[in-house]
């Protein structure tokens, strides 16, 4: 029997946790998995409370910088890998259009914004990944880490998972990942099917996220990349 797979997540918020854990459950349906969110901090009711790092991408930045210092200059040197098999670090691609000043971050290296012309989505996500790796103190993605950079945000995956027949989704086709405000489409769905961007609403759809993940990964390039890179980390890990 395979050992329990211990996955740690550093994410922007609680709805991202729901989508990512559902996607992983879809990818490994027969594997026993434990998930732990390292950032942001959550209350007992699993509501994000931020903690000293705060929420959103700025919280991910602060976590990466702190843990890389504790790890002797890199996240891969951290003691956290004694307790977790895989670390997932998630930052939405729309962060590529942000500034450190907007995130209330005092940063000497001015590598944000780094947004590129889209399509292809990878032009921006590749640039953002280099930025995130610098936060982590890494030159390349460590063997036990997976980066997750939905383009332009996680709601692109949510709409594709829950509303595959959405008019705008079908109209945009392969350019859907370049559309700036996919989250607005959640509010455009029929009232009976509509979901709010809350942990509670997303949790109520967990089964659908699990069931539809293969189709999402097939149609959206960054979802496909996440699936491929995640599975490559699992395949290379000795059981």
C-alpha atoms as a PDB file:
ATOM      1  CA  UNK A   1       0.000   0.000   0.000  1.00  0.00           C
ATOM      2  CA  UNK A   2       1.252   3.480  -0.836  1.00  0.00           C
ATOM      3  CA  UNK A   3       2.113   5.749   2.039  1.00  0.00           C
ATOM      4  CA  UNK A   4      -0.091   8.744   2.712  1.00  0.00           C
ATOM      5  CA  UNK A   5       0.968  11.632   0.505  1.00  0.00           C
ATOM      6  CA  UNK A   6       1.495  14.784   2.568  1.00  0.00           C
ATOM      7  CA  UNK A   7       0.865  17.953   0.576  1.00  0.00           C
ATOM      8  CA  UNK A   8       1.488  21.484   1.824  1.00  0.00           C
ATOM      9  CA  UNK A   9      -0.038  24.491   0.099  1.00  0.00           C
ATOM     10  CA  UNK A  10       0.981  28.140  -0.004  1.00  0.00           C
ATOM     11  CA  UNK A  11      -1.917  29.893  -1.687  1.00  0.00           C
ATOM     12  CA  UNK A  12      -3.622  33.238  -2.061  1.00  0.00           C
ATOM     13  CA  UNK A  13      -6.860  32.323  -0.287  1.00  0.00           C
ATOM     14  CA  UNK A  14      -9.338  29.664   0.879  1.00  0.00           C
ATOM     15  CA  UNK A  15     -11.203  29.270  -2.421  1.00  0.00           C
ATOM     16  CA  UNK A  16      -7.904  28.407  -4.120  1.00  0.00           C
ATOM     17  CA  UNK A  17      -7.434  25.680  -1.511  1.00  0.00           C
ATOM     18  CA  UNK A  18     -10.767  24.110  -2.472  1.00  0.00           C
ATOM     19  CA  UNK A  19     -10.032  24.069  -6.200  1.00  0.00           C
ATOM     20  CA  UNK A  20      -6.476  22.774  -5.869  1.00  0.00           C
ATOM     21  CA  UNK A  21      -7.270  20.009  -3.400  1.00  0.00           C
ATOM     22  CA  UNK A  22     -10.180  18.897  -5.606  1.00  0.00           C
ATOM     23  CA  UNK A  23      -7.914  18.861  -8.674  1.00  0.00           C
ATOM     24  CA  UNK A  24      -5.323  16.758  -6.860  1.00  0.00           C
ATOM     25  CA  UNK A  25      -8.004  14.370  -5.614  1.00  0.00           C
ATOM     26  CA  UNK A  26      -9.102  13.955  -9.231  1.00  0.00           C
ATOM     27  CA  UNK A  27      -5.528  13.269 -10.347  1.00  0.00           C
ATOM     28  CA  UNK A  28      -4.915  10.703  -7.580  1.00  0.00           C
ATOM     29  CA  UNK A  29      -8.332   9.148  -6.894  1.00  0.00           C
ATOM     30  CA  UNK A  30      -6.943   6.040  -5.198  1.00  0.00           C
ATOM     31  CA  UNK A  31      -4.249   7.699  -3.102  1.00  0.00           C
ATOM     32  CA  UNK A  32      -4.597   8.626   0.545  1.00  0.00           C
ATOM     33  CA  UNK A  33      -3.687  12.299   0.833  1.00  0.00           C
ATOM     34  CA  UNK A  34      -3.437  14.824   3.640  1.00  0.00           C
ATOM     35  CA  UNK A  35      -3.496  18.540   2.848  1.00  0.00           C
ATOM     36  CA  UNK A  36      -2.222  21.389   4.981  1.00  0.00           C
ATOM     37  CA  UNK A  37      -2.389  25.079   4.127  1.00  0.00           C
ATOM     38  CA  UNK A  38       0.784  26.739   5.391  1.00  0.00           C
ATOM     39  CA  UNK A  39      -0.222  30.155   4.041  1.00  0.00           C
ATOM     40  CA  UNK A  40      -2.584  31.845   4.716  1.00  0.00           C
ATOM     41  CA  UNK A  41      -3.469  30.830   8.244  1.00  0.00           C
ATOM     42  CA  UNK A  42      -6.987  29.483   8.744  1.00  0.00           C
ATOM     43  CA  UNK A  43      -9.356  29.503  11.678  1.00  0.00           C
ATOM     44  CA  UNK A  44     -10.948  26.358  13.074  1.00  0.00           C
ATOM     45  CA  UNK A  45     -13.905  27.058  10.767  1.00  0.00           C
ATOM     46  CA  UNK A  46     -11.438  27.164   7.853  1.00  0.00           C
ATOM     47  CA  UNK A  47     -11.853  30.849   7.171  1.00  0.00           C
ATOM     48  CA  UNK A  48      -8.714  32.681   6.151  1.00  0.00           C
ATOM     49  CA  UNK A  49      -7.413  34.927   8.927  1.00  0.00           C
ATOM     50  CA  UNK A  50      -4.197  35.941   7.233  1.00  0.00           C
ATOM     51  CA  UNK A  51      -1.916  35.910  10.237  1.00  0.00           C
ATOM     52  CA  UNK A  52       1.262  37.963  10.215  1.00  0.00           C
ATOM     53  CA  UNK A  53       1.828  37.334   6.490  1.00  0.00           C
ATOM     54  CA  UNK A  54      -1.574  38.590   5.354  1.00  0.00           C
ATOM     55  CA  UNK A  55      -3.746  37.320   2.515  1.00  0.00           C
ATOM     56  CA  UNK A  56      -3.397  37.254  -1.260  1.00  0.00           C
ATOM     57  CA  UNK A  57      -0.242  37.303  -3.345  1.00  0.00           C
ATOM     58  CA  UNK A  58       1.532  39.611  -0.898  1.00  0.00           C
ATOM     59  CA  UNK A  59       1.038  36.967   1.798  1.00  0.00           C
ATOM     60  CA  UNK A  60       2.581  34.354  -0.506  1.00  0.00           C
ATOM     61  CA  UNK A  61       5.525  36.703  -1.113  1.00  0.00           C
ATOM     62  CA  UNK A  62       6.114  37.266   2.613  1.00  0.00           C
ATOM     63  CA  UNK A  63       5.869  33.546   3.362  1.00  0.00           C
ATOM     64  CA  UNK A  64       8.375  32.687   0.638  1.00  0.00           C
ATOM     65  CA  UNK A  65      10.852  35.313   1.785  1.00  0.00           C
ATOM     66  CA  UNK A  66      10.621  34.294   5.441  1.00  0.00           C
ATOM     67  CA  UNK A  67      10.897  30.559   4.796  1.00  0.00           C
ATOM     68  CA  UNK A  68      13.784  31.025   2.353  1.00  0.00           C
ATOM     69  CA  UNK A  69      15.679  32.934   5.054  1.00  0.00           C
ATOM     70  CA  UNK A  70      14.947  30.184   7.562  1.00  0.00           C
ATOM     71  CA  UNK A  71      16.121  27.640   4.987  1.00  0.00           C
ATOM     72  CA  UNK A  72      19.526  29.257   4.595  1.00  0.00           C
ATOM     73  CA  UNK A  73      18.593  31.230   1.497  1.00  0.00           C
ATOM     74  CA  UNK A  74      16.091  28.943  -0.218  1.00  0.00           C
ATOM     75  CA  UNK A  75      12.708  27.374   0.448  1.00  0.00           C
ATOM     76  CA  UNK A  76      14.121  23.982  -0.554  1.00  0.00           C
ATOM     77  CA  UNK A  77      16.447  24.208   2.459  1.00  0.00           C
ATOM     78  CA  UNK A  78      13.510  24.512   4.848  1.00  0.00           C
ATOM     79  CA  UNK A  79      12.753  21.935   7.511  1.00  0.00           C
ATOM     80  CA  UNK A  80       9.145  21.819   6.271  1.00  0.00           C
ATOM     81  CA  UNK A  81      10.090  18.993   3.886  1.00  0.00           C
ATOM     82  CA  UNK A  82      10.603  16.789   6.892  1.00  0.00           C
ATOM     83  CA  UNK A  83       6.844  16.976   7.406  1.00  0.00           C
ATOM     84  CA  UNK A  84       5.529  17.337   3.828  1.00  0.00           C
ATOM     85  CA  UNK A  85       6.246  15.431   0.638  1.00  0.00           C
ATOM     86  CA  UNK A  86       5.213  18.121  -1.841  1.00  0.00           C
ATOM     87  CA  UNK A  87       4.865  21.890  -1.585  1.00  0.00           C
ATOM     88  CA  UNK A  88       2.491  23.723  -3.910  1.00  0.00           C
ATOM     89  CA  UNK A  89       2.951  27.475  -4.324  1.00  0.00           C
ATOM     90  CA  UNK A  90       0.061  29.243  -6.075  1.00  0.00           C
ATOM     91  CA  UNK A  91       0.010  32.772  -7.459  1.00  0.00           C
ATOM     92  CA  UNK A  92      -2.559  33.906 -10.031  1.00  0.00           C
ATOM     93  CA  UNK A  93      -1.134  35.278 -13.257  1.00  0.00           C
ATOM     94  CA  UNK A  94      -2.893  38.618 -12.849  1.00  0.00           C
ATOM     95  CA  UNK A  95      -0.264  39.311 -10.157  1.00  0.00           C
ATOM     96  CA  UNK A  96       2.103  39.916 -13.072  1.00  0.00           C
ATOM     97  CA  UNK A  97       0.364  43.269 -13.495  1.00  0.00           C
ATOM     98  CA  UNK A  98       0.842  44.278  -9.856  1.00  0.00           C
ATOM     99  CA  UNK A  99       3.527  46.342  -8.135  1.00  0.00           C
ATOM    100  CA  UNK A 100       5.247  45.702  -4.816  1.00  0.00           C
ATOM    101  CA  UNK A 101       4.095  49.098  -3.653  1.00  0.00           C
ATOM    102  CA  UNK A 102       0.485  48.070  -4.196  1.00  0.00           C
ATOM    103  CA  UNK A 103       1.142  45.005  -2.057  1.00  0.00           C
ATOM    104  CA  UNK A 104       2.688  47.220   0.664  1.00  0.00           C
ATOM    105  CA  UNK A 105       5.995  45.458   0.171  1.00  0.00           C
ATOM    106  CA  UNK A 106       9.405  47.111   0.442  1.00  0.00           C
ATOM    107  CA  UNK A 107      11.371  45.277  -2.252  1.00  0.00           C
ATOM    108  CA  UNK A 108      14.711  46.314  -3.719  1.00  0.00           C
ATOM    109  CA  UNK A 109      14.400  44.216  -6.896  1.00  0.00           C
ATOM    110  CA  UNK A 110      11.771  45.718  -9.179  1.00  0.00           C
ATOM    111  CA  UNK A 111      10.650  42.624 -11.119  1.00  0.00           C
ATOM    112  CA  UNK A 112       6.935  43.430 -10.926  1.00  0.00           C
ATOM    113  CA  UNK A 113       5.029  44.145 -13.073  1.00  0.00           C
ATOM    114  CA  UNK A 114       6.138  41.459 -15.525  1.00  0.00           C
ATOM    115  CA  UNK A 115       2.976  41.041 -17.607  1.00  0.00           C
ATOM    116  CA  UNK A 116       3.408  40.081 -21.280  1.00  0.00           C
ATOM    117  CA  UNK A 117       1.127  40.050 -24.293  1.00  0.00           C
ATOM    118  CA  UNK A 118      -1.484  37.290 -24.138  1.00  0.00           C
ATOM    119  CA  UNK A 119      -1.831  34.963 -25.987  1.00  0.00           C
ATOM    120  CA  UNK A 120       0.054  32.916 -25.218  1.00  0.00           C
ATOM    121  CA  UNK A 121      -0.729  32.748 -21.485  1.00  0.00           C
ATOM    122  CA  UNK A 122       2.674  31.160 -20.909  1.00  0.00           C
ATOM    123  CA  UNK A 123       4.489  34.375 -21.838  1.00  0.00           C
ATOM    124  CA  UNK A 124       3.180  35.988 -18.653  1.00  0.00           C
ATOM    125  CA  UNK A 125       3.100  32.886 -16.456  1.00  0.00           C
ATOM    126  CA  UNK A 126       6.708  32.017 -17.320  1.00  0.00           C
ATOM    127  CA  UNK A 127       7.795  35.535 -16.383  1.00  0.00           C
ATOM    128  CA  UNK A 128       5.791  35.371 -13.157  1.00  0.00           C
ATOM    129  CA  UNK A 129       7.264  32.007 -12.268  1.00  0.00           C
ATOM    130  CA  UNK A 130      10.752  33.476 -12.447  1.00  0.00           C
ATOM    131  CA  UNK A 131       9.630  36.176 -10.035  1.00  0.00           C
ATOM    132  CA  UNK A 132       8.115  33.641  -7.620  1.00  0.00           C
ATOM    133  CA  UNK A 133      11.251  31.502  -7.771  1.00  0.00           C
ATOM    134  CA  UNK A 134      13.291  34.545  -6.767  1.00  0.00           C
ATOM    135  CA  UNK A 135      10.964  35.028  -3.793  1.00  0.00           C
ATOM    136  CA  UNK A 136      11.713  31.405  -2.902  1.00  0.00           C
ATOM    137  CA  UNK A 137      15.468  31.843  -3.295  1.00  0.00           C
ATOM    138  CA  UNK A 138      15.539  29.304  -6.117  1.00  0.00           C
ATOM    139  CA  UNK A 139      16.997  29.298  -9.637  1.00  0.00           C
ATOM    140  CA  UNK A 140      14.713  26.478 -10.798  1.00  0.00           C
ATOM    141  CA  UNK A 141      11.654  24.739  -9.382  1.00  0.00           C
ATOM    142  CA  UNK A 142      12.856  22.412  -6.579  1.00  0.00           C
ATOM    143  CA  UNK A 143      12.240  18.699  -6.965  1.00  0.00           C
ATOM    144  CA  UNK A 144       9.557  18.629  -4.264  1.00  0.00           C
ATOM    145  CA  UNK A 145       7.757  21.815  -5.274  1.00  0.00           C
ATOM    146  CA  UNK A 146       5.034  22.573  -7.816  1.00  0.00           C
ATOM    147  CA  UNK A 147       4.186  26.059  -9.013  1.00  0.00           C
ATOM    148  CA  UNK A 148       0.575  26.869  -9.860  1.00  0.00           C
ATOM    149  CA  UNK A 149      -0.092  29.996 -11.963  1.00  0.00           C
ATOM    150  CA  UNK A 150      -3.677  30.065 -13.279  1.00  0.00           C
ATOM    151  CA  UNK A 151      -4.143  32.541 -16.135  1.00  0.00           C
ATOM    152  CA  UNK A 152      -5.309  35.087 -15.393  1.00  0.00           C
ATOM    153  CA  UNK A 153      -6.772  33.835 -12.119  1.00  0.00           C
ATOM    154  CA  UNK A 154      -8.244  30.732 -10.541  1.00  0.00           C
ATOM    155  CA  UNK A 155     -11.753  31.696 -11.637  1.00  0.00           C
ATOM    156  CA  UNK A 156     -10.809  30.763 -15.221  1.00  0.00           C
ATOM    157  CA  UNK A 157     -10.601  27.191 -13.970  1.00  0.00           C
ATOM    158  CA  UNK A 158     -13.757  27.525 -11.880  1.00  0.00           C
ATOM    159  CA  UNK A 159     -15.907  28.743 -14.776  1.00  0.00           C
ATOM    160  CA  UNK A 160     -14.530  26.032 -17.063  1.00  0.00           C
ATOM    161  CA  UNK A 161     -15.222  23.388 -14.414  1.00  0.00           C
ATOM    162  CA  UNK A 162     -18.726  24.425 -13.379  1.00  0.00           C
ATOM    163  CA  UNK A 163     -20.069  26.162 -16.495  1.00  0.00           C
ATOM    164  CA  UNK A 164     -18.453  24.560 -19.564  1.00  0.00           C
ATOM    165  CA  UNK A 165     -21.300  25.861 -21.753  1.00  0.00           C
ATOM    166  CA  UNK A 166     -20.830  29.489 -20.660  1.00  0.00           C
ATOM    167  CA  UNK A 167     -21.350  31.798 -23.642  1.00  0.00           C
ATOM    168  CA  UNK A 168     -18.196  33.859 -23.138  1.00  0.00           C
ATOM    169  CA  UNK A 169     -16.091  30.790 -22.402  1.00  0.00           C
ATOM    170  CA  UNK A 170     -17.155  29.243 -25.701  1.00  0.00           C
ATOM    171  CA  UNK A 171     -16.773  32.527 -27.559  1.00  0.00           C
ATOM    172  CA  UNK A 172     -13.224  33.072 -26.302  1.00  0.00           C
ATOM    173  CA  UNK A 173     -12.161  29.468 -26.823  1.00  0.00           C
ATOM    174  CA  UNK A 174      -8.387  29.169 -26.613  1.00  0.00           C
ATOM    175  CA  UNK A 175      -8.187  32.860 -25.664  1.00  0.00           C
ATOM    176  CA  UNK A 176     -10.254  32.327 -22.504  1.00  0.00           C
ATOM    177  CA  UNK A 177      -7.104  32.295 -20.366  1.00  0.00           C
ATOM    178  CA  UNK A 178      -6.294  35.795 -21.654  1.00  0.00           C
ATOM    179  CA  UNK A 179      -9.671  37.277 -20.718  1.00  0.00           C
ATOM    180  CA  UNK A 180      -9.165  39.784 -17.912  1.00  0.00           C
ATOM    181  CA  UNK A 181     -12.250  39.288 -15.697  1.00  0.00           C
ATOM    182  CA  UNK A 182     -13.416  35.689 -15.699  1.00  0.00           C
ATOM    183  CA  UNK A 183     -14.645  36.005 -12.132  1.00  0.00           C
ATOM    184  CA  UNK A 184     -17.441  38.241 -13.374  1.00  0.00           C
ATOM    185  CA  UNK A 185     -18.840  35.256 -15.271  1.00  0.00           C
ATOM    186  CA  UNK A 186     -19.716  33.559 -11.989  1.00  0.00           C
ATOM    187  CA  UNK A 187     -22.329  36.248 -11.425  1.00  0.00           C
ATOM    188  CA  UNK A 188     -23.683  35.898 -14.947  1.00  0.00           C
ATOM    189  CA  UNK A 189     -24.857  32.317 -14.566  1.00  0.00           C
ATOM    190  CA  UNK A 190     -28.514  31.319 -14.065  1.00  0.00           C
ATOM    191  CA  UNK A 191     -29.516  32.243 -10.530  1.00  0.00           C
ATOM    192  CA  UNK A 192     -30.173  28.661  -9.466  1.00  0.00           C
ATOM    193  CA  UNK A 193     -26.664  27.606 -10.497  1.00  0.00           C
ATOM    194  CA  UNK A 194     -24.768  30.734  -9.463  1.00  0.00           C
ATOM    195  CA  UNK A 195     -21.885  30.488  -6.972  1.00  0.00           C
ATOM    196  CA  UNK A 196     -20.206  33.161  -4.914  1.00  0.00           C
ATOM    197  CA  UNK A 197     -16.449  33.311  -4.496  1.00  0.00           C
ATOM    198  CA  UNK A 198     -16.585  31.952  -0.961  1.00  0.00           C
ATOM    199  CA  UNK A 199     -15.146  28.838   0.631  1.00  0.00           C
ATOM    200  CA  UNK A 200     -18.643  27.625   1.504  1.00  0.00           C
ATOM    201  CA  UNK A 201     -19.960  27.895  -2.060  1.00  0.00           C
ATOM    202  CA  UNK A 202     -16.843  26.351  -3.563  1.00  0.00           C
ATOM    203  CA  UNK A 203     -16.915  23.478  -1.077  1.00  0.00           C
ATOM    204  CA  UNK A 204     -20.500  22.766  -2.111  1.00  0.00           C
ATOM    205  CA  UNK A 205     -19.178  22.204  -5.646  1.00  0.00           C
ATOM    206  CA  UNK A 206     -16.165  20.101  -4.686  1.00  0.00           C
ATOM    207  CA  UNK A 207     -17.581  16.966  -6.299  1.00  0.00           C
ATOM    208  CA  UNK A 208     -18.042  18.822  -9.589  1.00  0.00           C
ATOM    209  CA  UNK A 209     -14.491  20.177  -9.443  1.00  0.00           C
ATOM    210  CA  UNK A 210     -13.184  16.631  -8.982  1.00  0.00           C
ATOM    211  CA  UNK A 211     -15.347  15.202 -11.765  1.00  0.00           C
ATOM    212  CA  UNK A 212     -14.642  17.903 -14.349  1.00  0.00           C
ATOM    213  CA  UNK A 213     -10.923  18.414 -13.672  1.00  0.00           C
ATOM    214  CA  UNK A 214      -9.798  16.183 -16.592  1.00  0.00           C
ATOM    215  CA  UNK A 215     -11.782  18.368 -19.011  1.00  0.00           C
ATOM    216  CA  UNK A 216     -10.428  21.566 -17.447  1.00  0.00           C
ATOM    217  CA  UNK A 217      -6.850  20.318 -17.727  1.00  0.00           C
ATOM    218  CA  UNK A 218      -7.444  19.309 -21.317  1.00  0.00           C
ATOM    219  CA  UNK A 219      -8.802  22.706 -22.385  1.00  0.00           C
ATOM    220  CA  UNK A 220      -6.766  25.203 -20.317  1.00  0.00           C
ATOM    221  CA  UNK A 221      -3.000  25.331 -20.751  1.00  0.00           C
ATOM    222  CA  UNK A 222      -2.063  26.351 -17.203  1.00  0.00           C
ATOM    223  CA  UNK A 223      -4.350  23.719 -15.684  1.00  0.00           C
ATOM    224  CA  UNK A 224      -2.720  21.155 -17.976  1.00  0.00           C
ATOM    225  CA  UNK A 225       0.737  22.325 -16.913  1.00  0.00           C
ATOM    226  CA  UNK A 226      -0.187  22.082 -13.230  1.00  0.00           C
ATOM    227  CA  UNK A 227      -1.497  18.529 -13.669  1.00  0.00           C
ATOM    228  CA  UNK A 228       1.559  17.430 -15.628  1.00  0.00           C
ATOM    229  CA  UNK A 229       4.091  18.991 -13.255  1.00  0.00           C
ATOM    230  CA  UNK A 230       2.291  17.757 -10.153  1.00  0.00           C
ATOM    231  CA  UNK A 231       2.153  14.174 -11.427  1.00  0.00           C
ATOM    232  CA  UNK A 232       5.808  14.306 -12.446  1.00  0.00           C
ATOM    233  CA  UNK A 233       6.708  15.188  -8.854  1.00  0.00           C
ATOM    234  CA  UNK A 234       4.647  12.288  -7.521  1.00  0.00           C
ATOM    235  CA  UNK A 235       6.074   9.822 -10.051  1.00  0.00           C
ATOM    236  CA  UNK A 236       9.617  10.792  -9.112  1.00  0.00           C
ATOM    237  CA  UNK A 237       8.993  10.450  -5.360  1.00  0.00           C
ATOM    238  CA  UNK A 238       9.886   7.029  -3.931  1.00  0.00           C
ATOM    239  CA  UNK A 239       7.036   5.425  -1.984  1.00  0.00           C
END
